[in-house]
Amino acid sequence: MIFYGWVIVAAGFSILFACWGAFFSYSVFFIPLIEEFAWSRASTAGVFSVNVLLFGMGSIVSGRLVERYGPRAVNIAGGLLVGGGLALSAAIQNLWELYLFYGLMIGLGMSAGWAPLSATLARWFGAGRGLAMGIMSIGISIGMILFPPFSRYLITIWGWRWSFLILGLLSGSMMVAAALFLRKDPQEKNLRPFGETPAPRAGDPGALQPVNSAAKDFNLSQAIATRPFWASFAVYLLWLTGFLMVSVHLAAFGVDRGLSPMSAAFGVSLVGVGSIFGKILMGLLSDRIGPQKVLGLGLLMQGVGIFGLIGSRSAASIYLFGSIVGFGYGGTGPQLPVLTARIFGLAHLGAIFGALILAGQIGGAIGPLLAGKIFDLTRSYFLGFSLGGVSVMVAGLLVYNIRAPRIDPHPSSSR
């Protein structure tokens, strides 16, 4: 019999595929919307910035809600918001409507996905958690591969309005259907976590544990009082400032470098292709050497890829360095919840990781908007992408300075 945790992985895969595929497709709607309404690149990119900011703010709430109501109810609500936001975006006539439907609704809907699913999956897997998280997050990569060129095809055939509507119906229905299979923890199925073993010893490769092993479950307020939380907060903020600065504008960057719109959309897809290999290979490596080392390596690789893109003058070069960015991205995302679980424990992982996601989405809100504004002023992505590359590489260096907390989150009442 198949362990039900793998059903959770498959359901999470499907949800992430649907909502993140739509998320990354915004880059191919970017130019058609500008051509239709004559909006600036900064104001059009600002819609995406609102989306990621609401995603981050909503992740704190959804992280708490999943602890109370479970991942199934939270993700059904998320699917309705994502599908509805995309469908309503098809009818926009003004910029504020796009901010409301694509920015606010879809951003809140997406917050039901990553943090709640990561917290849920961490409860289902003891051994092999890094690999399971990597496999689930491949849904993001497949969505990134398939949705942008599919959206570009729909835009070419039926226009951007019908494309928004079709994506809304597909994404919303897939998220709701997959959410029906989610369960909060193994106890609901009278099971134990996969490969459940005693906690790793202090010298083990992946054993980034609180120094006091009896105090392994922090709640959100206790975690916020520690240095590792704020170090992780800074890493997440700097990472997504740089990564989303580049990924949102990558299709437009490709068109500016002479690629056709479809070829530029394919460049975005190759970021997803690279991330699949990164998630599988880095997930396996994480279970061997620990998530901290793999996380730092993934961030540094993204920085290298971004600087390679800056100097690209051909489709082949853009595809190559976009794939490198994707590989590093694949090695980054799944390690964050694994590392967070090892530092702060599982009991309140949804809320703690949701707060860290907010940091990333603040950066993700700043990055695309800043790159668009710089382009409007300089007519070039050189400075914006350079800032993005530096931001990601600084995050990679900060990772190696994260140390386990040295306080007991459950102090004895006798003290």
Foldseek 3Di string as FASTA:
>chain_A
DDQLLVLLLVLLLLLLLQLLLVLLLLLLVQVVVCVVPVDFLLLSLLLSLLLLLLLLVLLLVLLVVCLPPNLLVLQLQLLLLLLQLLLQVLPDDDSVSSSVSSRNSSSNSNSSRDLRSLLQSPQQADALSLQSLLSSNLSSLNSQQPRNLVLNVCCVVPRNSVSSNVSSVVSSVSRNVSSVSGDRHCVVVPDHHHPDDPQDDPPAQAQQAAPPNVQQAFAQVLLVPFPLLVLLLLLLLLQLLQLLLCSSNQLVQVVVLPDDSSLSSNLSSLLSVLLSVLSNVLSVVCSHRNLLLLQLVLLLQLLVLLVQCLPDNDSVSSSVSSSSNSSSVSSHVSSSLVSVCSQNNSSSSSNSVSNSSSSNSNSNSNRNSVQSVVCVVVVDSNVSSNSSSVSSNVSSVSSVVRHRGHDRSDDDPVD
